[in-house]
Amino acid sequence: MKKVFLFFLLIGTIAPISRIQAQEVLDGLYEKAHVINNKPIPFPYVREADVLWAKKVWRIVDLRERMNLPLYYPIQAMDDRYSLINLLMNGIQYEGLTAYSAKGNDEFKVPLSWEQVMFEMGSVADTQEVQNAVTGLFEKKVIGAELRSDEVKQIMLKEIWFFDRNYSRLDVRIIGLCPIREYVTSAGGTEEFAKKQVFWIYFNQVRPLFAKHEVFNPKNDAQRRTFDDIFIKRYFGSYVVREANVYNNRNIEQYAAGLDAMLEAERIKNEIFTFEHDMWQF
């Protein structure tokens, strides 16, 4: 009888220990369920007859600005957070997100394969000669491509500002976004700075992915915004670099430089504000 009692006592002490060891580690207070099940709020329907005025503009979001740092970091995924470019690359590779060529135009006409996207990002496999530790001979070895997401320092946004008479308000819709790489090339033995538009992403297609991923909030970890919130609610700093024009939609830098370019960008922004202001009578 005594042996039976000791046996059940031993089983009773081992069972809680095994349950503790099998318990999943939770890095936080609770399992997050709200954001991962989040869906983007659909835009209100817009009729062609209700749009009295519209202007297409392009703007640059510099990820090095303090306000935009949550879109640039983390360089490597951590704490269920991605940087903007890493989230886009993950969406292209695993979520069926379509990337379009940035060569020639930004009209979302030429889809890119994953290999082409990696090539545009500068992640190309290279062949190098490596010394064999056993034979001492040099052998050719293919070095795998490395994704350098930290080279993407800017994002170009293509958007349309319009006045909707049905709602009596000026509104904006982002059409697409394009990462811009800044990197150093070695041509002829000299290093040169280069900037390149990588690919275009149609914004409406990427919204469901943006709505399910958080952006760091330095003031409150329990109330983080999503990438969709950042773009829809305009929580980013930017400046205008182009407006739709008859000259093949040329950039401001093609006809103005320095202070003149800054004043031209400010003029375009004020023109949009002034139009809305003049629609009202007091």
C-alpha atoms as a PDB file:
ATOM      1  CA  MET A   1       0.000   0.000   0.000  1.00  0.00           C
ATOM      2  CA  LYS A   2       2.865   2.321   0.844  1.00  0.00           C
ATOM      3  CA  LYS A   3       4.516   1.642  -2.545  1.00  0.00           C
ATOM      4  CA  VAL A   4       1.280   2.461  -4.380  1.00  0.00           C
ATOM      5  CA  PHE A   5       0.998   5.766  -2.505  1.00  0.00           C
ATOM      6  CA  LEU A   6       4.592   6.746  -3.386  1.00  0.00           C
ATOM      7  CA  PHE A   7       3.960   5.875  -7.047  1.00  0.00           C
ATOM      8  CA  PHE A   8       0.948   8.197  -7.359  1.00  0.00           C
ATOM      9  CA  LEU A   9       2.798  10.925  -5.435  1.00  0.00           C
ATOM     10  CA  LEU A  10       5.672  10.716  -7.918  1.00  0.00           C
ATOM     11  CA  ILE A  11       3.284  10.909 -10.888  1.00  0.00           C
ATOM     12  CA  GLY A  12       1.580  13.957  -9.335  1.00  0.00           C
ATOM     13  CA  THR A  13       4.860  15.866  -9.066  1.00  0.00           C
ATOM     14  CA  ILE A  14       6.108  14.987 -12.564  1.00  0.00           C
ATOM     15  CA  ALA A  15       2.897  15.984 -14.374  1.00  0.00           C
ATOM     16  CA  PRO A  16       2.958  19.708 -13.414  1.00  0.00           C
ATOM     17  CA  ILE A  17       6.655  19.914 -14.363  1.00  0.00           C
ATOM     18  CA  SER A  18       5.962  18.421 -17.798  1.00  0.00           C
ATOM     19  CA  ARG A  19       3.074  20.857 -18.333  1.00  0.00           C
ATOM     20  CA  ILE A  20       5.322  23.818 -17.434  1.00  0.00           C
ATOM     21  CA  GLN A  21       8.008  22.625 -19.851  1.00  0.00           C
ATOM     22  CA  ALA A  22       5.452  22.106 -22.633  1.00  0.00           C
ATOM     23  CA  GLN A  23       3.894  25.554 -22.133  1.00  0.00           C
ATOM     24  CA  GLU A  24       4.562  27.898 -25.043  1.00  0.00           C
ATOM     25  CA  VAL A  25       6.799  30.862 -24.300  1.00  0.00           C
ATOM     26  CA  LEU A  26       4.842  34.124 -24.570  1.00  0.00           C
ATOM     27  CA  ASP A  27       6.994  37.187 -25.179  1.00  0.00           C
ATOM     28  CA  GLY A  28       4.475  39.653 -23.786  1.00  0.00           C
ATOM     29  CA  LEU A  29       1.322  39.908 -21.701  1.00  0.00           C
ATOM     30  CA  TYR A  30      -1.104  38.290 -24.130  1.00  0.00           C
ATOM     31  CA  GLU A  31      -1.422  36.735 -27.566  1.00  0.00           C
ATOM     32  CA  LYS A  32      -2.066  39.404 -30.152  1.00  0.00           C
ATOM     33  CA  ALA A  33      -5.190  38.602 -32.120  1.00  0.00           C
ATOM     34  CA  HIS A  34      -6.544  41.993 -33.197  1.00  0.00           C
ATOM     35  CA  VAL A  35      -3.998  43.118 -35.800  1.00  0.00           C
ATOM     36  CA  ILE A  36      -3.378  39.721 -37.426  1.00  0.00           C
ATOM     37  CA  ASN A  37      -7.125  39.462 -38.160  1.00  0.00           C
ATOM     38  CA  ASN A  38      -7.435  43.081 -39.206  1.00  0.00           C
ATOM     39  CA  LYS A  39      -8.811  44.071 -42.606  1.00  0.00           C
ATOM     40  CA  PRO A  40      -8.462  47.424 -44.381  1.00  0.00           C
ATOM     41  CA  ILE A  41     -11.449  49.757 -44.324  1.00  0.00           C
ATOM     42  CA  PRO A  42     -12.716  50.039 -47.923  1.00  0.00           C
ATOM     43  CA  PHE A  43     -12.681  53.435 -49.602  1.00  0.00           C
ATOM     44  CA  PRO A  44     -16.004  55.204 -50.271  1.00  0.00           C
ATOM     45  CA  TYR A  45     -17.264  54.725 -53.794  1.00  0.00           C
ATOM     46  CA  VAL A  46     -16.421  57.612 -56.125  1.00  0.00           C
ATOM     47  CA  ARG A  47     -18.524  58.407 -59.184  1.00  0.00           C
ATOM     48  CA  GLU A  48     -16.897  60.060 -62.178  1.00  0.00           C
ATOM     49  CA  ALA A  49     -19.684  62.679 -62.263  1.00  0.00           C
ATOM     50  CA  ASP A  50     -18.917  63.711 -58.654  1.00  0.00           C
ATOM     51  CA  VAL A  51     -15.226  64.484 -59.225  1.00  0.00           C
ATOM     52  CA  LEU A  52     -15.100  68.207 -60.032  1.00  0.00           C
ATOM     53  CA  TRP A  53     -11.307  68.521 -59.932  1.00  0.00           C
ATOM     54  CA  ALA A  54      -8.319  66.192 -59.674  1.00  0.00           C
ATOM     55  CA  LYS A  55      -4.530  66.452 -59.702  1.00  0.00           C
ATOM     56  CA  LYS A  56      -2.027  63.612 -59.881  1.00  0.00           C
ATOM     57  CA  VAL A  57       1.205  64.161 -57.926  1.00  0.00           C
ATOM     58  CA  TRP A  58       4.281  62.155 -56.996  1.00  0.00           C
ATOM     59  CA  ARG A  59       6.024  62.612 -53.649  1.00  0.00           C
ATOM     60  CA  ILE A  60       9.089  61.228 -51.886  1.00  0.00           C
ATOM     61  CA  VAL A  61       8.973  59.721 -48.385  1.00  0.00           C
ATOM     62  CA  ASP A  62      12.544  59.878 -47.072  1.00  0.00           C
ATOM     63  CA  LEU A  63      12.911  56.995 -44.600  1.00  0.00           C
ATOM     64  CA  ARG A  64      15.843  58.743 -42.883  1.00  0.00           C
ATOM     65  CA  GLU A  65      13.593  61.472 -41.516  1.00  0.00           C
ATOM     66  CA  ARG A  66      12.796  61.053 -37.840  1.00  0.00           C
ATOM     67  CA  MET A  67       9.060  60.822 -38.473  1.00  0.00           C
ATOM     68  CA  ASN A  68       9.581  58.046 -41.033  1.00  0.00           C
ATOM     69  CA  LEU A  69      12.083  55.901 -39.079  1.00  0.00           C
ATOM     70  CA  PRO A  70       9.398  53.339 -38.055  1.00  0.00           C
ATOM     71  CA  LEU A  71       9.074  52.506 -41.774  1.00  0.00           C
ATOM     72  CA  TYR A  72      12.844  51.950 -42.147  1.00  0.00           C
ATOM     73  CA  TYR A  73      13.473  49.851 -39.034  1.00  0.00           C
ATOM     74  CA  PRO A  74      13.941  47.065 -38.053  1.00  0.00           C
ATOM     75  CA  ILE A  75      16.494  46.073 -40.702  1.00  0.00           C
ATOM     76  CA  GLN A  76      15.928  42.412 -39.742  1.00  0.00           C
ATOM     77  CA  ALA A  77      12.472  41.180 -38.709  1.00  0.00           C
ATOM     78  CA  MET A  78      12.025  41.207 -34.932  1.00  0.00           C
ATOM     79  CA  ASP A  79       9.168  41.168 -32.415  1.00  0.00           C
ATOM     80  CA  ASP A  80       6.665  40.403 -35.220  1.00  0.00           C
ATOM     81  CA  ARG A  81       7.678  43.669 -36.893  1.00  0.00           C
ATOM     82  CA  TYR A  82       8.992  44.257 -40.395  1.00  0.00           C
ATOM     83  CA  SER A  83      10.444  47.279 -42.105  1.00  0.00           C
ATOM     84  CA  LEU A  84       8.421  48.521 -45.052  1.00  0.00           C
ATOM     85  CA  ILE A  85      10.736  47.086 -47.713  1.00  0.00           C
ATOM     86  CA  ASN A  86      11.078  43.723 -45.931  1.00  0.00           C
ATOM     87  CA  LEU A  87       7.288  43.471 -45.689  1.00  0.00           C
ATOM     88  CA  LEU A  88       6.959  44.213 -49.412  1.00  0.00           C
ATOM     89  CA  MET A  89       9.598  41.608 -50.288  1.00  0.00           C
ATOM     90  CA  ASN A  90       7.889  39.056 -48.041  1.00  0.00           C
ATOM     91  CA  GLY A  91       4.562  39.838 -49.695  1.00  0.00           C
ATOM     92  CA  ILE A  92       6.018  39.401 -53.197  1.00  0.00           C
ATOM     93  CA  GLN A  93       7.671  36.090 -52.309  1.00  0.00           C
ATOM     94  CA  TYR A  94       4.987  34.446 -50.164  1.00  0.00           C
ATOM     95  CA  GLU A  95       1.702  36.431 -50.323  1.00  0.00           C
ATOM     96  CA  GLY A  96       1.161  36.706 -54.075  1.00  0.00           C
ATOM     97  CA  LEU A  97       1.854  40.446 -54.189  1.00  0.00           C
ATOM     98  CA  THR A  98       2.615  41.631 -57.731  1.00  0.00           C
ATOM     99  CA  ALA A  99       5.607  43.873 -58.420  1.00  0.00           C
ATOM    100  CA  TYR A 100       5.661  45.950 -61.609  1.00  0.00           C
ATOM    101  CA  SER A 101       8.621  47.236 -63.575  1.00  0.00           C
ATOM    102  CA  ALA A 102       9.778  50.785 -62.795  1.00  0.00           C
ATOM    103  CA  LYS A 103      11.644  51.139 -66.099  1.00  0.00           C
ATOM    104  CA  GLY A 104      10.110  53.617 -68.488  1.00  0.00           C
ATOM    105  CA  ASN A 105       6.832  54.373 -66.674  1.00  0.00           C
ATOM    106  CA  ASP A 106       4.798  53.838 -63.531  1.00  0.00           C
ATOM    107  CA  GLU A 107       1.572  52.544 -65.069  1.00  0.00           C
ATOM    108  CA  PHE A 108       1.699  48.997 -63.634  1.00  0.00           C
ATOM    109  CA  LYS A 109       1.941  47.319 -67.036  1.00  0.00           C
ATOM    110  CA  VAL A 110       4.910  44.907 -66.794  1.00  0.00           C
ATOM    111  CA  PRO A 111       4.810  42.369 -63.899  1.00  0.00           C
ATOM    112  CA  LEU A 112       8.133  41.148 -62.514  1.00  0.00           C
ATOM    113  CA  SER A 113       9.077  37.656 -61.377  1.00  0.00           C
ATOM    114  CA  TRP A 114      10.745  37.050 -58.004  1.00  0.00           C
ATOM    115  CA  GLU A 115      14.133  36.625 -59.706  1.00  0.00           C
ATOM    116  CA  GLN A 116      13.697  39.939 -61.519  1.00  0.00           C
ATOM    117  CA  VAL A 117      12.746  41.675 -58.268  1.00  0.00           C
ATOM    118  CA  MET A 118      15.864  40.304 -56.572  1.00  0.00           C
ATOM    119  CA  PHE A 119      17.960  41.488 -59.519  1.00  0.00           C
ATOM    120  CA  GLU A 120      16.511  44.997 -59.254  1.00  0.00           C
ATOM    121  CA  MET A 121      17.321  44.946 -55.529  1.00  0.00           C
ATOM    122  CA  GLY A 122      20.941  44.151 -56.375  1.00  0.00           C
ATOM    123  CA  SER A 123      20.714  40.644 -54.893  1.00  0.00           C
ATOM    124  CA  VAL A 124      22.486  38.694 -57.618  1.00  0.00           C
ATOM    125  CA  ALA A 125      24.396  35.446 -57.148  1.00  0.00           C
ATOM    126  CA  ASP A 126      28.124  35.841 -57.837  1.00  0.00           C
ATOM    127  CA  THR A 127      30.884  33.380 -58.724  1.00  0.00           C
ATOM    128  CA  GLN A 128      34.102  33.723 -56.737  1.00  0.00           C
ATOM    129  CA  GLU A 129      37.321  31.730 -56.471  1.00  0.00           C
ATOM    130  CA  VAL A 130      37.661  30.143 -53.021  1.00  0.00           C
ATOM    131  CA  GLN A 131      40.704  28.212 -51.810  1.00  0.00           C
ATOM    132  CA  ASN A 132      40.058  24.591 -50.895  1.00  0.00           C
ATOM    133  CA  ALA A 133      41.299  23.955 -47.349  1.00  0.00           C
ATOM    134  CA  VAL A 134      42.297  20.349 -48.188  1.00  0.00           C
ATOM    135  CA  THR A 135      43.930  20.618 -51.620  1.00  0.00           C
ATOM    136  CA  GLY A 136      45.040  24.231 -51.446  1.00  0.00           C
ATOM    137  CA  LEU A 137      43.697  24.815 -54.947  1.00  0.00           C
ATOM    138  CA  PHE A 138      41.360  27.665 -55.880  1.00  0.00           C
ATOM    139  CA  GLU A 139      37.901  26.540 -56.930  1.00  0.00           C
ATOM    140  CA  LYS A 140      34.996  28.479 -58.348  1.00  0.00           C
ATOM    141  CA  LYS A 141      32.085  28.727 -55.943  1.00  0.00           C
ATOM    142  CA  VAL A 142      28.677  30.357 -56.384  1.00  0.00           C
ATOM    143  CA  ILE A 143      27.979  32.820 -53.569  1.00  0.00           C
ATOM    144  CA  GLY A 144      24.297  33.192 -52.804  1.00  0.00           C
ATOM    145  CA  ALA A 145      22.463  36.492 -53.297  1.00  0.00           C
ATOM    146  CA  GLU A 146      22.070  38.695 -50.240  1.00  0.00           C
ATOM    147  CA  LEU A 147      19.084  41.005 -49.837  1.00  0.00           C
ATOM    148  CA  ARG A 148      20.269  44.442 -48.714  1.00  0.00           C
ATOM    149  CA  SER A 149      17.052  46.031 -47.568  1.00  0.00           C
ATOM    150  CA  ASP A 150      18.941  48.819 -45.775  1.00  0.00           C
ATOM    151  CA  GLU A 151      19.825  50.295 -49.194  1.00  0.00           C
ATOM    152  CA  VAL A 152      16.207  51.380 -49.691  1.00  0.00           C
ATOM    153  CA  LYS A 153      16.295  54.897 -48.240  1.00  0.00           C
ATOM    154  CA  GLN A 154      13.282  56.463 -49.977  1.00  0.00           C
ATOM    155  CA  ILE A 155       9.775  55.556 -51.118  1.00  0.00           C
ATOM    156  CA  MET A 156       8.026  57.284 -54.012  1.00  0.00           C
ATOM    157  CA  LEU A 157       4.246  57.615 -53.749  1.00  0.00           C
ATOM    158  CA  LYS A 158       1.954  58.155 -56.707  1.00  0.00           C
ATOM    159  CA  GLU A 159      -1.358  59.661 -55.621  1.00  0.00           C
ATOM    160  CA  ILE A 160      -4.411  61.590 -56.836  1.00  0.00           C
ATOM    161  CA  TRP A 161      -5.948  64.540 -55.006  1.00  0.00           C
ATOM    162  CA  PHE A 162      -9.571  65.187 -55.961  1.00  0.00           C
ATOM    163  CA  PHE A 163     -12.633  67.141 -54.873  1.00  0.00           C
ATOM    164  CA  ASP A 164     -15.749  65.001 -54.436  1.00  0.00           C
ATOM    165  CA  ARG A 165     -18.925  67.093 -54.573  1.00  0.00           C
ATOM    166  CA  ASN A 166     -20.983  64.195 -53.182  1.00  0.00           C
ATOM    167  CA  TYR A 167     -19.122  64.480 -49.862  1.00  0.00           C
ATOM    168  CA  SER A 168     -18.110  68.134 -50.384  1.00  0.00           C
ATOM    169  CA  ARG A 169     -14.493  67.492 -49.479  1.00  0.00           C
ATOM    170  CA  LEU A 170     -10.988  67.281 -50.859  1.00  0.00           C
ATOM    171  CA  ASP A 171      -9.668  63.728 -50.643  1.00  0.00           C
ATOM    172  CA  VAL A 172      -6.588  61.772 -51.716  1.00  0.00           C
ATOM    173  CA  ARG A 173      -5.999  58.219 -52.902  1.00  0.00           C
ATOM    174  CA  ILE A 174      -2.584  56.601 -53.089  1.00  0.00           C
ATOM    175  CA  ILE A 175      -2.234  54.715 -56.377  1.00  0.00           C
ATOM    176  CA  GLY A 176       1.111  53.016 -55.897  1.00  0.00           C
ATOM    177  CA  LEU A 177       4.466  53.095 -54.146  1.00  0.00           C
ATOM    178  CA  CYS A 178       7.996  52.510 -55.371  1.00  0.00           C
ATOM    179  CA  PRO A 179      11.093  51.757 -53.235  1.00  0.00           C
ATOM    180  CA  ILE A 180      14.234  53.684 -54.218  1.00  0.00           C
ATOM    181  CA  ARG A 181      17.697  52.186 -53.631  1.00  0.00           C
ATOM    182  CA  GLU A 182      20.727  54.290 -52.817  1.00  0.00           C
ATOM    183  CA  TYR A 183      23.954  52.352 -53.224  1.00  0.00           C
ATOM    184  CA  VAL A 184      27.604  52.598 -54.282  1.00  0.00           C
ATOM    185  CA  THR A 185      28.847  51.076 -57.521  1.00  0.00           C
ATOM    186  CA  SER A 186      32.420  50.270 -58.518  1.00  0.00           C
ATOM    187  CA  ALA A 187      32.900  51.251 -62.159  1.00  0.00           C
ATOM    188  CA  GLY A 188      36.398  51.375 -63.609  1.00  0.00           C
ATOM    189  CA  GLY A 189      37.979  51.072 -60.191  1.00  0.00           C
ATOM    190  CA  THR A 190      36.197  54.155 -58.834  1.00  0.00           C
ATOM    191  CA  GLU A 191      33.224  54.173 -56.477  1.00  0.00           C
ATOM    192  CA  GLU A 192      30.180  56.128 -57.589  1.00  0.00           C
ATOM    193  CA  PHE A 193      26.897  56.908 -55.843  1.00  0.00           C
ATOM    194  CA  ALA A 194      23.773  55.629 -57.608  1.00  0.00           C
ATOM    195  CA  LYS A 195      20.018  55.902 -57.060  1.00  0.00           C
ATOM    196  CA  LYS A 196      17.478  53.567 -58.632  1.00  0.00           C
ATOM    197  CA  GLN A 197      13.723  52.997 -58.613  1.00  0.00           C
ATOM    198  CA  VAL A 198      13.299  49.283 -57.911  1.00  0.00           C
ATOM    199  CA  PHE A 199       9.670  48.322 -58.664  1.00  0.00           C
ATOM    200  CA  TRP A 200       6.108  49.598 -58.320  1.00  0.00           C
ATOM    201  CA  ILE A 201       3.429  48.124 -56.052  1.00  0.00           C
ATOM    202  CA  TYR A 202      -0.275  48.762 -56.611  1.00  0.00           C
ATOM    203  CA  PHE A 203      -1.497  50.204 -53.326  1.00  0.00           C
ATOM    204  CA  ASN A 204      -4.983  48.661 -53.251  1.00  0.00           C
ATOM    205  CA  GLN A 205      -3.458  45.195 -53.630  1.00  0.00           C
ATOM    206  CA  VAL A 206      -1.013  45.636 -50.756  1.00  0.00           C
ATOM    207  CA  ARG A 207      -3.524  47.131 -48.293  1.00  0.00           C
ATOM    208  CA  PRO A 208      -4.667  43.764 -46.817  1.00  0.00           C
ATOM    209  CA  LEU A 209      -1.021  42.932 -46.072  1.00  0.00           C
ATOM    210  CA  PHE A 210      -0.362  46.376 -44.579  1.00  0.00           C
ATOM    211  CA  ALA A 211      -3.433  46.101 -42.339  1.00  0.00           C
ATOM    212  CA  LYS A 212      -2.079  42.936 -40.649  1.00  0.00           C
ATOM    213  CA  HIS A 213       1.338  44.250 -39.623  1.00  0.00           C
ATOM    214  CA  GLU A 214       2.239  46.734 -36.916  1.00  0.00           C
ATOM    215  CA  VAL A 215       4.515  49.748 -37.004  1.00  0.00           C
ATOM    216  CA  PHE A 216       6.512  50.660 -33.910  1.00  0.00           C
ATOM    217  CA  ASN A 217       4.958  53.297 -31.642  1.00  0.00           C
ATOM    218  CA  PRO A 218       7.636  54.927 -29.426  1.00  0.00           C
ATOM    219  CA  LYS A 219       5.019  56.177 -26.951  1.00  0.00           C
ATOM    220  CA  ASN A 220       2.885  53.073 -26.405  1.00  0.00           C
ATOM    221  CA  ASP A 221       3.633  49.447 -27.322  1.00  0.00           C
ATOM    222  CA  ALA A 222      -0.003  48.493 -26.676  1.00  0.00           C
ATOM    223  CA  GLN A 223      -1.385  50.980 -29.209  1.00  0.00           C
ATOM    224  CA  ARG A 224       0.594  50.470 -32.387  1.00  0.00           C
ATOM    225  CA  ARG A 225      -0.614  51.585 -35.780  1.00  0.00           C
ATOM    226  CA  THR A 226      -0.557  49.352 -38.827  1.00  0.00           C
ATOM    227  CA  PHE A 227       1.174  50.165 -42.109  1.00  0.00           C
ATOM    228  CA  ASP A 228      -2.278  50.799 -43.579  1.00  0.00           C
ATOM    229  CA  ASP A 229      -2.992  53.352 -40.835  1.00  0.00           C
ATOM    230  CA  ILE A 230       0.296  55.118 -41.534  1.00  0.00           C
ATOM    231  CA  PHE A 231      -0.496  55.686 -45.215  1.00  0.00           C
ATOM    232  CA  ILE A 232      -4.256  56.217 -45.040  1.00  0.00           C
ATOM    233  CA  LYS A 233      -4.037  58.666 -42.100  1.00  0.00           C
ATOM    234  CA  ARG A 234      -0.923  60.338 -43.552  1.00  0.00           C
ATOM    235  CA  TYR A 235       1.417  59.721 -40.586  1.00  0.00           C
ATOM    236  CA  PHE A 236       4.540  60.336 -42.648  1.00  0.00           C
ATOM    237  CA  GLY A 237       6.699  63.197 -43.846  1.00  0.00           C
ATOM    238  CA  SER A 238       7.170  63.794 -47.571  1.00  0.00           C
ATOM    239  CA  TYR A 239       7.746  66.374 -50.289  1.00  0.00           C
ATOM    240  CA  VAL A 240       6.405  66.745 -53.833  1.00  0.00           C
ATOM    241  CA  VAL A 241       8.747  65.883 -56.719  1.00  0.00           C
ATOM    242  CA  ARG A 242       6.337  65.853 -59.682  1.00  0.00           C
ATOM    243  CA  GLU A 243       2.863  66.789 -60.859  1.00  0.00           C
ATOM    244  CA  ALA A 244       1.044  65.592 -63.952  1.00  0.00           C
ATOM    245  CA  ASN A 245       2.138  67.803 -66.863  1.00  0.00           C
ATOM    246  CA  VAL A 246       2.243  67.920 -70.637  1.00  0.00           C
ATOM    247  CA  TYR A 247       6.022  67.336 -70.722  1.00  0.00           C
ATOM    248  CA  ASN A 248       5.860  63.538 -70.246  1.00  0.00           C
ATOM    249  CA  ASN A 249       5.218  64.096 -66.523  1.00  0.00           C
ATOM    250  CA  ARG A 250       8.750  65.383 -66.011  1.00  0.00           C
ATOM    251  CA  ASN A 251      10.189  65.764 -62.506  1.00  0.00           C
ATOM    252  CA  ILE A 252      10.738  69.118 -60.856  1.00  0.00           C
ATOM    253  CA  GLU A 253      14.501  68.496 -60.873  1.00  0.00           C
ATOM    254  CA  GLN A 254      14.447  68.504 -64.673  1.00  0.00           C
ATOM    255  CA  TYR A 255      13.558  72.199 -64.857  1.00  0.00           C
ATOM    256  CA  ALA A 256      14.480  73.586 -61.424  1.00  0.00           C
ATOM    257  CA  ALA A 257      17.274  73.070 -58.916  1.00  0.00           C
ATOM    258  CA  GLY A 258      18.133  73.960 -55.342  1.00  0.00           C
ATOM    259  CA  LEU A 259      15.903  76.616 -53.802  1.00  0.00           C
ATOM    260  CA  ASP A 260      13.856  76.934 -57.002  1.00  0.00           C
ATOM    261  CA  ALA A 261      12.961  73.244 -56.810  1.00  0.00           C
ATOM    262  CA  MET A 262      11.866  73.608 -53.190  1.00  0.00           C
ATOM    263  CA  LEU A 263       9.710  76.626 -54.066  1.00  0.00           C
ATOM    264  CA  GLU A 264       8.166  74.748 -56.993  1.00  0.00           C
ATOM    265  CA  ALA A 265       7.252  71.796 -54.743  1.00  0.00           C
ATOM    266  CA  GLU A 266       5.721  74.227 -52.253  1.00  0.00           C
ATOM    267  CA  ARG A 267       3.760  75.903 -55.057  1.00  0.00           C
ATOM    268  CA  ILE A 268       2.200  72.587 -56.092  1.00  0.00           C
ATOM    269  CA  LYS A 269       1.243  71.806 -52.504  1.00  0.00           C
ATOM    270  CA  ASN A 270      -0.259  75.267 -51.975  1.00  0.00           C
ATOM    271  CA  GLU A 271      -2.185  75.002 -55.230  1.00  0.00           C
ATOM    272  CA  ILE A 272      -4.014  71.949 -53.884  1.00  0.00           C
ATOM    273  CA  PHE A 273      -4.744  73.693 -50.577  1.00  0.00           C
ATOM    274  CA  THR A 274      -5.889  76.883 -52.307  1.00  0.00           C
ATOM    275  CA  PHE A 275      -8.312  75.019 -54.556  1.00  0.00           C
ATOM    276  CA  GLU A 276     -10.082  73.470 -51.564  1.00  0.00           C
ATOM    277  CA  HIS A 277     -10.125  76.827 -49.754  1.00  0.00           C
ATOM    278  CA  ASP A 278     -11.680  78.603 -52.760  1.00  0.00           C
ATOM    279  CA  MET A 279     -14.504  76.052 -52.959  1.00  0.00           C
ATOM    280  CA  TRP A 280     -16.048  77.553 -49.827  1.00  0.00           C
ATOM    281  CA  GLN A 281     -17.693  80.916 -49.206  1.00  0.00           C
ATOM    282  CA  PHE A 282     -17.907  82.471 -45.760  1.00  0.00           C
END
